[in-house]
Amino acid sequence: MHAFDVYLSAINRALSPDRAFVVGDSLTLADICFVAEPGLLHNEIPRVREIEGLGLAPILSSQLVVAYPGAIAHFKKLSNHPCSHTWKRSKG
């Protein structure tokens, strides 16, 4: 198991059974830190061929959705949060 799998497994458990946020009942720094990790890994998407050419497997894969549905759903939800869009526009 890779470190990212351990991390997503812990987030998945923190969000179960039906928690809306990693800690507490509202958006916290824990949620923001969580969304930043997979967000950074999205940088590998345009480089998948290069990564595979080195004999490595990309960290982000469709298998993550199956293995960690709660964590991936939380990432998608936070990626669409209004604060996320404000930050993305200010970076552009």
Protein backbone atom coordinates (compact mmCIF):
# COMPACT_ATOMS: atom_id res chain seq x y z
CA MET A 1 0.00 0.00 0.00
CA HIS A 2 1.34 3.42 -0.97
CA ALA A 3 1.36 6.42 1.35
CA PHE A 4 -1.37 8.09 -0.69
CA ASP A 5 -3.58 5.02 -0.24
CA VAL A 6 -3.05 5.17 3.52
CA TYR A 7 -3.90 8.88 3.47
CA LEU A 8 -7.08 8.42 1.42
CA SER A 9 -8.10 5.47 3.57
CA ALA A 10 -7.88 7.66 6.68
CA ILE A 11 -9.86 10.46 5.03
CA ASN A 12 -12.44 7.94 3.86
CA ARG A 13 -12.85 6.68 7.44
CA ALA A 14 -13.02 10.23 8.83
CA LEU A 15 -15.89 10.98 6.44
CA SER A 16 -17.91 7.90 7.33
CA PRO A 17 -20.58 7.05 8.02
CA ASP A 18 -22.10 10.27 6.64
CA ARG A 19 -19.93 13.18 7.72
CA ALA A 20 -19.89 16.24 5.50
CA PHE A 21 -16.44 17.43 6.59
CA VAL A 22 -13.18 15.86 7.78
CA VAL A 23 -13.38 17.52 11.21
CA GLY A 24 -16.46 19.07 12.76
CA ASP A 25 -19.64 20.27 11.10
CA SER A 26 -18.26 22.90 8.73
CA LEU A 27 -15.38 23.60 6.38
CA THR A 28 -12.08 23.69 8.28
CA LEU A 29 -8.37 23.83 7.54
CA ALA A 30 -8.40 20.02 7.53
CA ASP A 31 -10.69 20.03 4.48
CA ILE A 32 -8.61 22.68 2.73
CA CYS A 33 -5.39 20.74 3.35
CA PHE A 34 -7.08 17.58 2.11
CA VAL A 35 -8.24 19.11 -1.18
CA ALA A 36 -4.76 20.55 -1.79
CA GLU A 37 -3.06 17.13 -1.85
CA PRO A 38 -5.00 15.50 -4.70
CA GLY A 39 -5.16 18.91 -6.36
CA LEU A 40 -1.37 18.96 -6.63
CA LEU A 41 -1.38 15.42 -7.98
CA HIS A 42 -3.55 16.54 -10.88
CA ASN A 43 -0.30 17.95 -12.31
CA GLU A 44 0.63 14.39 -13.28
CA ILE A 45 -2.37 13.98 -15.62
CA PRO A 46 -0.75 15.67 -18.66
CA ARG A 47 2.44 13.70 -17.96
CA VAL A 48 0.98 10.18 -17.71
CA ARG A 49 2.89 8.94 -20.77
CA GLU A 50 6.17 10.24 -19.37
CA ILE A 51 5.47 8.63 -16.00
CA GLU A 52 4.57 5.30 -17.56
CA GLY A 53 7.59 5.57 -19.87
CA LEU A 54 9.75 5.59 -16.76
CA GLY A 55 8.12 2.33 -15.68
CA LEU A 56 6.05 4.04 -12.99
CA ALA A 57 2.32 4.08 -12.40
CA PRO A 58 0.45 7.37 -12.01
CA ILE A 59 -0.81 7.98 -8.48
CA LEU A 60 -4.21 9.21 -9.65
CA SER A 61 -6.28 6.49 -11.25
CA SER A 62 -9.88 5.43 -11.70
CA GLN A 63 -9.24 2.74 -9.07
CA LEU A 64 -9.17 5.45 -6.39
CA VAL A 65 -12.87 6.17 -6.95
CA VAL A 66 -13.71 2.53 -6.24
CA ALA A 67 -11.34 2.13 -3.30
CA TYR A 68 -12.01 5.48 -1.57
CA PRO A 69 -15.46 6.72 -2.66
CA GLY A 70 -15.98 9.02 0.32
CA ALA A 71 -12.62 10.73 -0.02
CA ILE A 72 -12.95 11.20 -3.78
CA ALA A 73 -16.52 12.53 -3.45
CA HIS A 74 -15.30 14.96 -0.78
CA PHE A 75 -12.49 16.12 -3.08
CA LYS A 76 -14.98 16.74 -5.90
CA LYS A 77 -17.35 18.57 -3.54
CA LEU A 78 -14.57 20.80 -2.21
CA SER A 79 -13.22 21.43 -5.71
CA ASN A 80 -16.63 22.88 -6.58
CA HIS A 81 -16.95 24.91 -3.37
CA PRO A 82 -17.46 28.67 -4.05
CA CYS A 83 -14.26 29.50 -2.16
CA SER A 84 -12.34 27.18 -4.46
CA HIS A 85 -13.54 29.06 -7.52
CA THR A 86 -12.55 32.41 -5.99
CA TRP A 87 -9.05 31.13 -5.31
CA LYS A 88 -8.68 29.65 -8.80
CA ARG A 89 -9.72 32.96 -10.40
CA SER A 90 -7.24 34.93 -8.28
CA LYS A 91 -4.41 32.60 -9.39
CA GLY A 92 -5.25 32.95 -13.10
